[in-house]
Amino acid sequence: MIDQTKSTLGKAPSVPEDWCYVSGRVASLARTLLPASFFPELLHSRNAEEAFALLSESAPEIFPHLKSITDYDRILSERFDAEAGSLAADSPRDGPAEIFLRQIDLARVHEYLTGPEAPQKNGQEVKRSADRLAGAYGWIDPLDLSGDRAALFAARPLRALSLWVDSSFHRSLGSLAGRSPPLRPYLSAMAALQAVATCLRSVSAGITAAELEAFFFRPGLLQAGLRKPSDPAAPLSRLLSEYGVAGLSAEGDGLAENFSRAADDHLTGVAADGRFEPFGMLPILYFLRRLQMETLNLRISLAAVLAPIDRGVAEKRLRRV
């Protein structure tokens, strides 16, 4: 994907009237979104046939036949990707769809970095991979191994590259917020929560607070005491405070899953500020956020139907829509 920062310099910023056409599209599309009450019903289907019957009645365009249910992950991914891409094509530059397209990119990059085709733990191979990624995705910065980053790269180059990709994504959110003021509240919340999630994932993988700070996180993680505490919840509470989202509740067993759900619901709440706007960036943001969470809820529900997953546990994982 082309980085909008590089491709649109010199063009005038959009005005509300520029969004009339795509806002009209979204108003029509929003009527096809599934209600929150649909997902618990789908999740408690007894089998694939019953799930397909429900989907055929409420969303027949998603799964054309019964066998397609088993390919739900690919079908749902392609559906969301296509909708975000189509709305981006119809929108002025630096619009909400760009956020979701970059999230899609980020997921693909991390899938590559954790997959069988990822470079081996050889520094030169990882550097070449970093160059290819920066060339393919305009928001990924050229790999910088100066200062304290060098030590982690020498010891764990693939982990260092993963952190660098996250740091580039984090920076690109701030850049987009600077060019699109209406999106700033959502982008600020998203950047904070993405930073917390990366920190938590990295700490569990043995990355130190000093190494995280060297890559892109706020100085202060050491002062926040992010070091192997005896209380497993301590890193989360400290990080939430450090990144300005201390009011987010994500406690209890299954801390990572609880945080992920609470973070998703928080972001949906931020996006919901645009639900009453007639046109502009915010209704597009709200629609895409709801579609993103609808896609996740369909995945959770269908996974529970097709695999021996506890339905009660799965229902607790459903997101707000």
C-alpha atoms as a PDB file:
ATOM      1  CA  MET A   1       0.000   0.000   0.000  1.00  0.00           C
ATOM      2  CA  ILE A   2       1.292   3.465  -0.867  1.00  0.00           C
ATOM      3  CA  ASP A   3       2.002   5.697   2.120  1.00  0.00           C
ATOM      4  CA  GLN A   4      -0.409   8.606   1.921  1.00  0.00           C
ATOM      5  CA  THR A   5       2.223  10.862   3.488  1.00  0.00           C
ATOM      6  CA  LYS A   6       4.381  10.482   0.406  1.00  0.00           C
ATOM      7  CA  SER A   7       1.706  10.282  -2.273  1.00  0.00           C
ATOM      8  CA  THR A   8      -0.501  13.271  -1.464  1.00  0.00           C
ATOM      9  CA  LEU A   9       1.850  16.092  -0.519  1.00  0.00           C
ATOM     10  CA  GLY A  10       0.688  19.405  -1.918  1.00  0.00           C
ATOM     11  CA  LYS A  11      -2.967  18.399  -2.211  1.00  0.00           C
ATOM     12  CA  ALA A  12      -5.543  20.473  -0.348  1.00  0.00           C
ATOM     13  CA  PRO A  13      -7.120  18.877   2.722  1.00  0.00           C
ATOM     14  CA  SER A  14     -10.641  17.565   2.288  1.00  0.00           C
ATOM     15  CA  VAL A  15     -13.717  19.526   3.348  1.00  0.00           C
ATOM     16  CA  PRO A  16     -17.002  18.012   4.624  1.00  0.00           C
ATOM     17  CA  GLU A  17     -18.647  18.297   1.219  1.00  0.00           C
ATOM     18  CA  ASP A  18     -16.017  15.966  -0.252  1.00  0.00           C
ATOM     19  CA  TRP A  19     -17.444  13.158   1.860  1.00  0.00           C
ATOM     20  CA  CYS A  20     -21.053  13.319   0.653  1.00  0.00           C
ATOM     21  CA  TYR A  21     -20.840  10.408  -1.799  1.00  0.00           C
ATOM     22  CA  VAL A  22     -18.995   7.960   0.449  1.00  0.00           C
ATOM     23  CA  SER A  23     -21.165   9.001   3.418  1.00  0.00           C
ATOM     24  CA  GLY A  24     -24.220   8.075   1.377  1.00  0.00           C
ATOM     25  CA  ARG A  25     -22.686   4.704   0.571  1.00  0.00           C
ATOM     26  CA  VAL A  26     -22.002   4.070   4.236  1.00  0.00           C
ATOM     27  CA  ALA A  27     -25.523   5.056   5.268  1.00  0.00           C
ATOM     28  CA  SER A  28     -26.825   2.374   2.922  1.00  0.00           C
ATOM     29  CA  LEU A  29     -24.256  -0.231   3.982  1.00  0.00           C
ATOM     30  CA  ALA A  30     -24.900   0.362   7.680  1.00  0.00           C
ATOM     31  CA  ARG A  31     -28.398  -1.067   7.278  1.00  0.00           C
ATOM     32  CA  THR A  32     -26.851  -4.453   6.483  1.00  0.00           C
ATOM     33  CA  LEU A  33     -24.881  -4.670   9.751  1.00  0.00           C
ATOM     34  CA  LEU A  34     -25.951  -7.438  12.099  1.00  0.00           C
ATOM     35  CA  PRO A  35     -27.436  -6.483  15.493  1.00  0.00           C
ATOM     36  CA  ALA A  36     -25.659  -7.375  18.726  1.00  0.00           C
ATOM     37  CA  SER A  37     -28.384  -9.894  19.576  1.00  0.00           C
ATOM     38  CA  PHE A  38     -27.539 -11.999  16.514  1.00  0.00           C
ATOM     39  CA  PHE A  39     -24.139 -13.238  17.679  1.00  0.00           C
ATOM     40  CA  PRO A  40     -25.138 -15.082  20.889  1.00  0.00           C
ATOM     41  CA  GLU A  41     -27.876 -16.804  18.896  1.00  0.00           C
ATOM     42  CA  LEU A  42     -25.404 -17.836  16.197  1.00  0.00           C
ATOM     43  CA  LEU A  43     -22.840 -18.948  18.769  1.00  0.00           C
ATOM     44  CA  HIS A  44     -25.325 -21.311  20.391  1.00  0.00           C
ATOM     45  CA  SER A  45     -26.250 -23.033  17.122  1.00  0.00           C
ATOM     46  CA  ARG A  46     -26.106 -26.779  17.569  1.00  0.00           C
ATOM     47  CA  ASN A  47     -24.183 -27.429  14.360  1.00  0.00           C
ATOM     48  CA  ALA A  48     -23.019 -25.914  11.061  1.00  0.00           C
ATOM     49  CA  GLU A  49     -26.382 -26.527   9.418  1.00  0.00           C
ATOM     50  CA  GLU A  50     -28.219 -24.515  12.049  1.00  0.00           C
ATOM     51  CA  ALA A  51     -25.624 -21.734  11.886  1.00  0.00           C
ATOM     52  CA  PHE A  52     -25.955 -21.602   8.103  1.00  0.00           C
ATOM     53  CA  ALA A  53     -29.734 -21.343   8.371  1.00  0.00           C
ATOM     54  CA  LEU A  54     -29.415 -18.320  10.648  1.00  0.00           C
ATOM     55  CA  LEU A  55     -26.833 -16.671   8.408  1.00  0.00           C
ATOM     56  CA  SER A  56     -28.873 -17.366   5.285  1.00  0.00           C
ATOM     57  CA  GLU A  57     -31.787 -15.501   6.817  1.00  0.00           C
ATOM     58  CA  SER A  58     -29.875 -12.510   8.236  1.00  0.00           C
ATOM     59  CA  ALA A  59     -26.758 -12.199   6.055  1.00  0.00           C
ATOM     60  CA  PRO A  60     -27.158 -14.385   2.947  1.00  0.00           C
ATOM     61  CA  GLU A  61     -24.453 -12.568   1.005  1.00  0.00           C
ATOM     62  CA  ILE A  62     -21.625 -13.691   3.328  1.00  0.00           C
ATOM     63  CA  PHE A  63     -21.765 -17.479   2.969  1.00  0.00           C
ATOM     64  CA  PRO A  64     -23.233 -18.676  -0.346  1.00  0.00           C
ATOM     65  CA  HIS A  65     -23.592 -22.342   0.631  1.00  0.00           C
ATOM     66  CA  LEU A  66     -23.240 -24.637   3.626  1.00  0.00           C
ATOM     67  CA  LYS A  67     -19.688 -25.802   2.830  1.00  0.00           C
ATOM     68  CA  SER A  68     -18.473 -22.195   2.774  1.00  0.00           C
ATOM     69  CA  ILE A  69     -19.041 -22.026   6.557  1.00  0.00           C
ATOM     70  CA  THR A  70     -15.925 -24.140   7.109  1.00  0.00           C
ATOM     71  CA  ASP A  71     -13.864 -21.533   5.209  1.00  0.00           C
ATOM     72  CA  TYR A  72     -15.196 -18.727   7.378  1.00  0.00           C
ATOM     73  CA  ASP A  73     -11.829 -17.203   8.311  1.00  0.00           C
ATOM     74  CA  ARG A  74     -10.747 -16.545   4.706  1.00  0.00           C
ATOM     75  CA  ILE A  75     -14.220 -15.458   3.592  1.00  0.00           C
ATOM     76  CA  LEU A  76     -14.619 -12.987   6.458  1.00  0.00           C
ATOM     77  CA  SER A  77     -11.120 -11.581   5.989  1.00  0.00           C
ATOM     78  CA  GLU A  78     -11.629 -11.040   2.274  1.00  0.00           C
ATOM     79  CA  ARG A  79     -15.042  -9.458   2.888  1.00  0.00           C
ATOM     80  CA  PHE A  80     -13.689  -6.880   5.336  1.00  0.00           C
ATOM     81  CA  ASP A  81     -10.568  -6.169   3.280  1.00  0.00           C
ATOM     82  CA  ALA A  82     -12.662  -5.576   0.161  1.00  0.00           C
ATOM     83  CA  GLU A  83     -15.083  -3.224   1.945  1.00  0.00           C
ATOM     84  CA  ALA A  84     -12.284  -1.163   3.478  1.00  0.00           C
ATOM     85  CA  GLY A  85     -10.482  -0.981   0.135  1.00  0.00           C
ATOM     86  CA  SER A  86     -13.632   0.040  -1.718  1.00  0.00           C
ATOM     87  CA  LEU A  87     -14.434   2.828   0.755  1.00  0.00           C
ATOM     88  CA  ALA A  88     -10.830   4.026   0.632  1.00  0.00           C
ATOM     89  CA  ALA A  89     -11.036   4.248  -3.153  1.00  0.00           C
ATOM     90  CA  ASP A  90     -14.193   6.388  -2.915  1.00  0.00           C
ATOM     91  CA  SER A  91     -12.873   8.641  -0.141  1.00  0.00           C
ATOM     92  CA  PRO A  92     -10.683  11.743  -0.122  1.00  0.00           C
ATOM     93  CA  ARG A  93      -7.118  11.207   1.024  1.00  0.00           C
ATOM     94  CA  ASP A  94      -6.161  10.346   4.605  1.00  0.00           C
ATOM     95  CA  GLY A  95      -9.616   9.114   5.523  1.00  0.00           C
ATOM     96  CA  PRO A  96     -10.781   6.530   8.071  1.00  0.00           C
ATOM     97  CA  ALA A  97     -10.424   3.572   5.705  1.00  0.00           C
ATOM     98  CA  GLU A  98      -6.665   4.181   5.728  1.00  0.00           C
ATOM     99  CA  ILE A  99      -6.583   3.188   9.413  1.00  0.00           C
ATOM    100  CA  PHE A 100      -8.128  -0.190   8.693  1.00  0.00           C
ATOM    101  CA  LEU A 101      -6.025  -0.823   5.601  1.00  0.00           C
ATOM    102  CA  ARG A 102      -2.898  -0.274   7.687  1.00  0.00           C
ATOM    103  CA  GLN A 103      -4.202  -2.656  10.322  1.00  0.00           C
ATOM    104  CA  ILE A 104      -4.667  -5.237   7.591  1.00  0.00           C
ATOM    105  CA  ASP A 105      -1.095  -4.602   6.446  1.00  0.00           C
ATOM    106  CA  LEU A 106       0.222  -4.911  10.009  1.00  0.00           C
ATOM    107  CA  ALA A 107      -1.519  -8.258  10.507  1.00  0.00           C
ATOM    108  CA  ARG A 108      -0.054  -9.554   7.239  1.00  0.00           C
ATOM    109  CA  VAL A 109       3.459  -8.459   8.200  1.00  0.00           C
ATOM    110  CA  HIS A 110       3.241 -10.134  11.609  1.00  0.00           C
ATOM    111  CA  GLU A 111       1.808 -13.268  10.021  1.00  0.00           C
ATOM    112  CA  TYR A 112       4.854 -13.332   7.755  1.00  0.00           C
ATOM    113  CA  LEU A 113       7.276 -12.712  10.637  1.00  0.00           C
ATOM    114  CA  THR A 114       5.835 -15.615  12.635  1.00  0.00           C
ATOM    115  CA  GLY A 115       5.266 -17.950   9.698  1.00  0.00           C
ATOM    116  CA  PRO A 116       7.360 -20.621   8.007  1.00  0.00           C
ATOM    117  CA  GLU A 117       8.730 -18.191   5.394  1.00  0.00           C
ATOM    118  CA  ALA A 118      10.149 -15.775   7.968  1.00  0.00           C
ATOM    119  CA  PRO A 119      13.907 -15.231   7.823  1.00  0.00           C
ATOM    120  CA  GLN A 120      16.027 -17.357  10.118  1.00  0.00           C
ATOM    121  CA  LYS A 121      17.746 -15.883  13.143  1.00  0.00           C
ATOM    122  CA  ASN A 122      20.513 -14.517  10.974  1.00  0.00           C
ATOM    123  CA  GLY A 123      21.028 -10.768  11.169  1.00  0.00           C
ATOM    124  CA  GLN A 124      21.802 -10.296   7.480  1.00  0.00           C
ATOM    125  CA  GLU A 125      18.706 -12.220   6.397  1.00  0.00           C
ATOM    126  CA  VAL A 126      16.551 -10.171   8.758  1.00  0.00           C
ATOM    127  CA  LYS A 127      18.035  -6.906   7.455  1.00  0.00           C
ATOM    128  CA  ARG A 128      17.243  -7.916   3.893  1.00  0.00           C
ATOM    129  CA  SER A 129      13.722  -8.810   4.999  1.00  0.00           C
ATOM    130  CA  ALA A 130      13.399  -5.405   6.680  1.00  0.00           C
ATOM    131  CA  ASP A 131      14.414  -3.671   3.448  1.00  0.00           C
ATOM    132  CA  ARG A 132      11.810  -5.619   1.474  1.00  0.00           C
ATOM    133  CA  LEU A 133       9.083  -4.819   3.991  1.00  0.00           C
ATOM    134  CA  ALA A 134       9.933  -1.103   3.987  1.00  0.00           C
ATOM    135  CA  GLY A 135       9.742  -1.143   0.197  1.00  0.00           C
ATOM    136  CA  ALA A 136       6.413  -2.976   0.136  1.00  0.00           C
ATOM    137  CA  TYR A 137       4.666  -0.975   2.870  1.00  0.00           C
ATOM    138  CA  GLY A 138       5.178   2.770   2.764  1.00  0.00           C
ATOM    139  CA  TRP A 139       4.413   3.244   6.470  1.00  0.00           C
ATOM    140  CA  ILE A 140       7.300   0.965   7.588  1.00  0.00           C
ATOM    141  CA  ASP A 141      10.423   3.004   8.285  1.00  0.00           C
ATOM    142  CA  PRO A 142      13.871   1.862   7.124  1.00  0.00           C
ATOM    143  CA  LEU A 143      15.350  -0.247   9.903  1.00  0.00           C
ATOM    144  CA  ASP A 144      17.383   1.849  12.344  1.00  0.00           C
ATOM    145  CA  LEU A 145      19.732  -0.121  14.591  1.00  0.00           C
ATOM    146  CA  SER A 146      21.397   2.780  16.344  1.00  0.00           C
ATOM    147  CA  GLY A 147      21.928   3.027  20.088  1.00  0.00           C
ATOM    148  CA  ASP A 148      20.318   0.518  22.418  1.00  0.00           C
ATOM    149  CA  ARG A 149      18.479  -1.245  19.577  1.00  0.00           C
ATOM    150  CA  ALA A 150      21.690  -2.859  18.373  1.00  0.00           C
ATOM    151  CA  ALA A 151      22.011  -5.188  21.363  1.00  0.00           C
ATOM    152  CA  LEU A 152      18.559  -6.732  20.938  1.00  0.00           C
ATOM    153  CA  PHE A 153      19.060  -7.067  17.194  1.00  0.00           C
ATOM    154  CA  ALA A 154      22.370  -8.871  17.749  1.00  0.00           C
ATOM    155  CA  ALA A 155      20.737 -11.321  20.153  1.00  0.00           C
ATOM    156  CA  ARG A 156      17.248 -11.668  18.634  1.00  0.00           C
ATOM    157  CA  PRO A 157      17.083 -10.027  15.208  1.00  0.00           C
ATOM    158  CA  LEU A 158      13.619 -11.266  14.249  1.00  0.00           C
ATOM    159  CA  ARG A 159      12.137 -10.036  17.524  1.00  0.00           C
ATOM    160  CA  ALA A 160      13.831  -6.679  16.981  1.00  0.00           C
ATOM    161  CA  LEU A 161      12.341  -6.414  13.490  1.00  0.00           C
ATOM    162  CA  SER A 162       8.877  -7.209  14.850  1.00  0.00           C
ATOM    163  CA  LEU A 163       9.231  -4.382  17.365  1.00  0.00           C
ATOM    164  CA  TRP A 164      10.442  -2.068  14.624  1.00  0.00           C
ATOM    165  CA  VAL A 165       7.371  -2.819  12.514  1.00  0.00           C
ATOM    166  CA  ASP A 166       5.161  -2.023  15.509  1.00  0.00           C
ATOM    167  CA  SER A 167       7.071   1.192  16.098  1.00  0.00           C
ATOM    168  CA  SER A 168       6.588   2.237  12.464  1.00  0.00           C
ATOM    169  CA  PHE A 169       2.865   1.515  12.685  1.00  0.00           C
ATOM    170  CA  HIS A 170       2.645   3.492  15.919  1.00  0.00           C
ATOM    171  CA  ARG A 171       4.421   6.478  14.321  1.00  0.00           C
ATOM    172  CA  SER A 172       2.221   6.306  11.227  1.00  0.00           C
ATOM    173  CA  LEU A 173      -0.916   6.640  13.381  1.00  0.00           C
ATOM    174  CA  GLY A 174       0.404   9.913  14.773  1.00  0.00           C
ATOM    175  CA  SER A 175       1.246  11.125  11.295  1.00  0.00           C
ATOM    176  CA  LEU A 176      -2.251  10.339  10.038  1.00  0.00           C
ATOM    177  CA  ALA A 177      -3.799  12.061  13.064  1.00  0.00           C
ATOM    178  CA  GLY A 178      -1.832  15.186  12.241  1.00  0.00           C
ATOM    179  CA  ARG A 179      -3.278  15.278   8.733  1.00  0.00           C
ATOM    180  CA  SER A 180      -6.856  14.327   9.697  1.00  0.00           C
ATOM    181  CA  PRO A 181      -7.934  16.154  12.893  1.00  0.00           C
ATOM    182  CA  PRO A 182     -11.417  14.547  13.128  1.00  0.00           C
ATOM    183  CA  LEU A 183      -9.732  11.152  13.511  1.00  0.00           C
ATOM    184  CA  ARG A 184      -7.409  12.229  16.332  1.00  0.00           C
ATOM    185  CA  PRO A 185      -9.449  10.928  19.303  1.00  0.00           C
ATOM    186  CA  TYR A 186      -9.765   7.479  17.733  1.00  0.00           C
ATOM    187  CA  LEU A 187      -6.158   7.375  16.542  1.00  0.00           C
ATOM    188  CA  SER A 188      -4.826   8.539  19.923  1.00  0.00           C
ATOM    189  CA  ALA A 189      -6.762   5.816  21.735  1.00  0.00           C
ATOM    190  CA  MET A 190      -5.726   3.228  19.160  1.00  0.00           C
ATOM    191  CA  ALA A 191      -2.040   4.191  19.388  1.00  0.00           C
ATOM    192  CA  ALA A 192      -2.087   3.979  23.190  1.00  0.00           C
ATOM    193  CA  LEU A 193      -3.784   0.581  23.229  1.00  0.00           C
ATOM    194  CA  GLN A 194      -1.526  -0.766  20.479  1.00  0.00           C
ATOM    195  CA  ALA A 195       1.497   0.327  22.496  1.00  0.00           C
ATOM    196  CA  VAL A 196       0.196  -1.391  25.629  1.00  0.00           C
ATOM    197  CA  ALA A 197      -0.542  -4.598  23.700  1.00  0.00           C
ATOM    198  CA  THR A 198       2.943  -4.644  22.169  1.00  0.00           C
ATOM    199  CA  CYS A 199       4.546  -4.066  25.571  1.00  0.00           C
ATOM    200  CA  LEU A 200       2.570  -6.877  27.179  1.00  0.00           C
ATOM    201  CA  ARG A 201       3.386  -9.271  24.351  1.00  0.00           C
ATOM    202  CA  SER A 202       7.059  -8.327  24.490  1.00  0.00           C
ATOM    203  CA  VAL A 203       7.381  -8.616  28.270  1.00  0.00           C
ATOM    204  CA  SER A 204       5.965 -12.148  28.132  1.00  0.00           C
ATOM    205  CA  ALA A 205       8.610 -12.938  25.484  1.00  0.00           C
ATOM    206  CA  GLY A 206      11.430 -11.743  27.733  1.00  0.00           C
ATOM    207  CA  ILE A 207      11.982  -8.267  26.270  1.00  0.00           C
ATOM    208  CA  THR A 208      13.106  -5.786  28.922  1.00  0.00           C
ATOM    209  CA  ALA A 209      11.623  -2.355  29.571  1.00  0.00           C
ATOM    210  CA  ALA A 210      14.890  -0.753  28.471  1.00  0.00           C
ATOM    211  CA  GLU A 211      14.757  -2.595  25.134  1.00  0.00           C
ATOM    212  CA  LEU A 212      11.164  -1.492  24.606  1.00  0.00           C
ATOM    213  CA  GLU A 213      12.062   2.117  25.323  1.00  0.00           C
ATOM    214  CA  ALA A 214      14.895   1.925  22.819  1.00  0.00           C
ATOM    215  CA  PHE A 215      12.478   1.058  20.047  1.00  0.00           C
ATOM    216  CA  PHE A 216       9.547   3.412  20.421  1.00  0.00           C
ATOM    217  CA  PHE A 217       7.785   3.435  23.728  1.00  0.00           C
ATOM    218  CA  ARG A 218       7.556   6.365  26.073  1.00  0.00           C
ATOM    219  CA  PRO A 219      10.502   6.902  28.376  1.00  0.00           C
ATOM    220  CA  GLY A 220       9.202   6.060  31.791  1.00  0.00           C
ATOM    221  CA  LEU A 221       8.558   2.355  31.523  1.00  0.00           C
ATOM    222  CA  LEU A 222      11.490   1.727  33.828  1.00  0.00           C
ATOM    223  CA  GLN A 223      10.128   4.250  36.306  1.00  0.00           C
ATOM    224  CA  ALA A 224       6.750   2.526  35.974  1.00  0.00           C
ATOM    225  CA  GLY A 225       8.475  -0.606  37.244  1.00  0.00           C
ATOM    226  CA  LEU A 226       7.856  -2.888  34.276  1.00  0.00           C
ATOM    227  CA  ARG A 227      10.076  -5.744  35.425  1.00  0.00           C
ATOM    228  CA  LYS A 228       8.886  -9.271  36.208  1.00  0.00           C
ATOM    229  CA  PRO A 229       6.628  -8.288  39.129  1.00  0.00           C
ATOM    230  CA  SER A 230       5.123 -10.929  41.382  1.00  0.00           C
ATOM    231  CA  ASP A 231       1.612  -9.721  40.537  1.00  0.00           C
ATOM    232  CA  PRO A 232       0.787 -10.692  36.906  1.00  0.00           C
ATOM    233  CA  ALA A 233      -1.682  -7.796  36.643  1.00  0.00           C
ATOM    234  CA  ALA A 234       0.900  -5.200  37.660  1.00  0.00           C
ATOM    235  CA  PRO A 235       2.437  -4.645  34.199  1.00  0.00           C
ATOM    236  CA  LEU A 236      -0.999  -4.046  32.683  1.00  0.00           C
ATOM    237  CA  SER A 237      -2.085  -1.498  35.289  1.00  0.00           C
ATOM    238  CA  ARG A 238       1.237   0.340  34.997  1.00  0.00           C
ATOM    239  CA  LEU A 239       1.128   0.390  31.215  1.00  0.00           C
ATOM    240  CA  LEU A 240      -2.481   1.558  31.115  1.00  0.00           C
ATOM    241  CA  SER A 241      -1.518   4.432  33.374  1.00  0.00           C
ATOM    242  CA  GLU A 242       1.629   5.208  31.369  1.00  0.00           C
ATOM    243  CA  TYR A 243      -0.327   5.426  28.114  1.00  0.00           C
ATOM    244  CA  GLY A 244      -3.212   7.464  29.458  1.00  0.00           C
ATOM    245  CA  VAL A 245      -5.916   4.785  29.523  1.00  0.00           C
ATOM    246  CA  ALA A 246      -5.823   3.950  33.218  1.00  0.00           C
ATOM    247  CA  GLY A 247      -9.615   3.813  33.397  1.00  0.00           C
ATOM    248  CA  LEU A 248      -9.774   0.784  31.125  1.00  0.00           C
ATOM    249  CA  SER A 249     -10.910  -2.281  33.060  1.00  0.00           C
ATOM    250  CA  ALA A 250      -9.366  -5.590  31.993  1.00  0.00           C
ATOM    251  CA  GLU A 251      -8.862  -7.662  35.120  1.00  0.00           C
ATOM    252  CA  GLY A 252      -9.356 -11.273  36.065  1.00  0.00           C
ATOM    253  CA  ASP A 253      -8.356 -14.649  34.667  1.00  0.00           C
ATOM    254  CA  GLY A 254      -7.237 -14.669  31.048  1.00  0.00           C
ATOM    255  CA  LEU A 255      -5.699 -11.220  31.367  1.00  0.00           C
ATOM    256  CA  ALA A 256      -4.544 -10.945  27.738  1.00  0.00           C
ATOM    257  CA  GLU A 257      -7.963 -11.895  26.347  1.00  0.00           C
ATOM    258  CA  ASN A 258      -9.738  -9.611  28.814  1.00  0.00           C
ATOM    259  CA  PHE A 259      -7.498  -6.714  27.843  1.00  0.00           C
ATOM    260  CA  SER A 260      -8.044  -7.357  24.151  1.00  0.00           C
ATOM    261  CA  ARG A 261     -11.826  -7.348  24.578  1.00  0.00           C
ATOM    262  CA  ALA A 262     -11.830  -4.272  26.836  1.00  0.00           C
ATOM    263  CA  ALA A 263      -9.558  -2.420  24.413  1.00  0.00           C
ATOM    264  CA  ASP A 264     -11.784  -3.301  21.461  1.00  0.00           C
ATOM    265  CA  ASP A 265     -14.905  -2.132  23.282  1.00  0.00           C
ATOM    266  CA  HIS A 266     -13.171   1.095  24.307  1.00  0.00           C
ATOM    267  CA  LEU A 267     -12.219   1.859  20.705  1.00  0.00           C
ATOM    268  CA  THR A 268     -15.728   1.093  19.489  1.00  0.00           C
ATOM    269  CA  GLY A 269     -17.039   3.527  22.073  1.00  0.00           C
ATOM    270  CA  VAL A 270     -14.695   6.231  20.794  1.00  0.00           C
ATOM    271  CA  ALA A 271     -15.775   5.583  17.196  1.00  0.00           C
ATOM    272  CA  ALA A 272     -19.439   5.717  18.239  1.00  0.00           C
ATOM    273  CA  ASP A 273     -19.157   9.496  18.631  1.00  0.00           C
ATOM    274  CA  GLY A 274     -19.661   9.626  14.862  1.00  0.00           C
ATOM    275  CA  ARG A 275     -22.852   7.612  14.695  1.00  0.00           C
ATOM    276  CA  PHE A 276     -25.096  10.676  14.499  1.00  0.00           C
ATOM    277  CA  GLU A 277     -22.974  12.665  12.043  1.00  0.00           C
ATOM    278  CA  PRO A 278     -24.705  12.963   8.641  1.00  0.00           C
ATOM    279  CA  PHE A 279     -21.499  13.004   6.571  1.00  0.00           C
ATOM    280  CA  GLY A 280     -17.759  13.414   6.896  1.00  0.00           C
ATOM    281  CA  MET A 281     -15.027  11.145   8.235  1.00  0.00           C
ATOM    282  CA  LEU A 282     -16.707  10.072  11.459  1.00  0.00           C
ATOM    283  CA  PRO A 283     -19.663   8.061  10.091  1.00  0.00           C
ATOM    284  CA  ILE A 284     -17.247   6.167   7.816  1.00  0.00           C
ATOM    285  CA  LEU A 285     -15.017   5.473  10.819  1.00  0.00           C
ATOM    286  CA  TYR A 286     -17.980   4.232  12.864  1.00  0.00           C
ATOM    287  CA  PHE A 287     -19.254   1.962  10.089  1.00  0.00           C
ATOM    288  CA  LEU A 288     -15.837   0.376   9.477  1.00  0.00           C
ATOM    289  CA  ARG A 289     -15.270  -0.110  13.188  1.00  0.00           C
ATOM    290  CA  ARG A 290     -18.647  -1.828  13.555  1.00  0.00           C
ATOM    291  CA  LEU A 291     -17.951  -3.995  10.508  1.00  0.00           C
ATOM    292  CA  GLN A 292     -14.548  -4.909  11.937  1.00  0.00           C
ATOM    293  CA  MET A 293     -16.123  -6.003  15.228  1.00  0.00           C
ATOM    294  CA  GLU A 294     -18.940  -7.800  13.391  1.00  0.00           C
ATOM    295  CA  THR A 295     -16.267  -9.751  11.522  1.00  0.00           C
ATOM    296  CA  LEU A 296     -14.542 -10.672  14.781  1.00  0.00           C
ATOM    297  CA  ASN A 297     -17.817 -11.719  16.418  1.00  0.00           C
ATOM    298  CA  LEU A 298     -18.669 -13.928  13.450  1.00  0.00           C
ATOM    299  CA  ARG A 299     -15.245 -15.572  13.746  1.00  0.00           C
ATOM    300  CA  ILE A 300     -15.691 -16.198  17.470  1.00  0.00           C
ATOM    301  CA  SER A 301     -19.194 -17.579  17.001  1.00  0.00           C
ATOM    302  CA  LEU A 302     -18.387 -19.851  14.074  1.00  0.00           C
ATOM    303  CA  ALA A 303     -15.228 -21.143  15.754  1.00  0.00           C
ATOM    304  CA  ALA A 304     -17.353 -22.178  18.737  1.00  0.00           C
ATOM    305  CA  VAL A 305     -19.888 -23.912  16.488  1.00  0.00           C
ATOM    306  CA  LEU A 306     -17.335 -25.803  14.406  1.00  0.00           C
ATOM    307  CA  ALA A 307     -14.857 -26.707  17.164  1.00  0.00           C
ATOM    308  CA  PRO A 308     -15.266 -28.038  20.720  1.00  0.00           C
ATOM    309  CA  ILE A 309     -15.028 -24.592  22.346  1.00  0.00           C
ATOM    310  CA  ASP A 310     -16.975 -23.808  25.493  1.00  0.00           C
ATOM    311  CA  ARG A 311     -19.901 -21.650  24.356  1.00  0.00           C
ATOM    312  CA  GLY A 312     -20.023 -19.716  27.613  1.00  0.00           C
ATOM    313  CA  VAL A 313     -16.350 -18.763  27.351  1.00  0.00           C
ATOM    314  CA  ALA A 314     -16.791 -17.827  23.712  1.00  0.00           C
ATOM    315  CA  GLU A 315     -19.797 -15.629  24.512  1.00  0.00           C
ATOM    316  CA  LYS A 316     -17.696 -13.634  26.981  1.00  0.00           C
ATOM    317  CA  ARG A 317     -15.279 -12.904  24.137  1.00  0.00           C
ATOM    318  CA  LEU A 318     -17.896 -11.282  21.910  1.00  0.00           C
ATOM    319  CA  ARG A 319     -17.209  -7.613  21.227  1.00  0.00           C
ATOM    320  CA  ARG A 320     -19.477  -4.612  21.464  1.00  0.00           C
ATOM    321  CA  VAL A 321     -21.047  -3.589  18.138  1.00  0.00           C
END
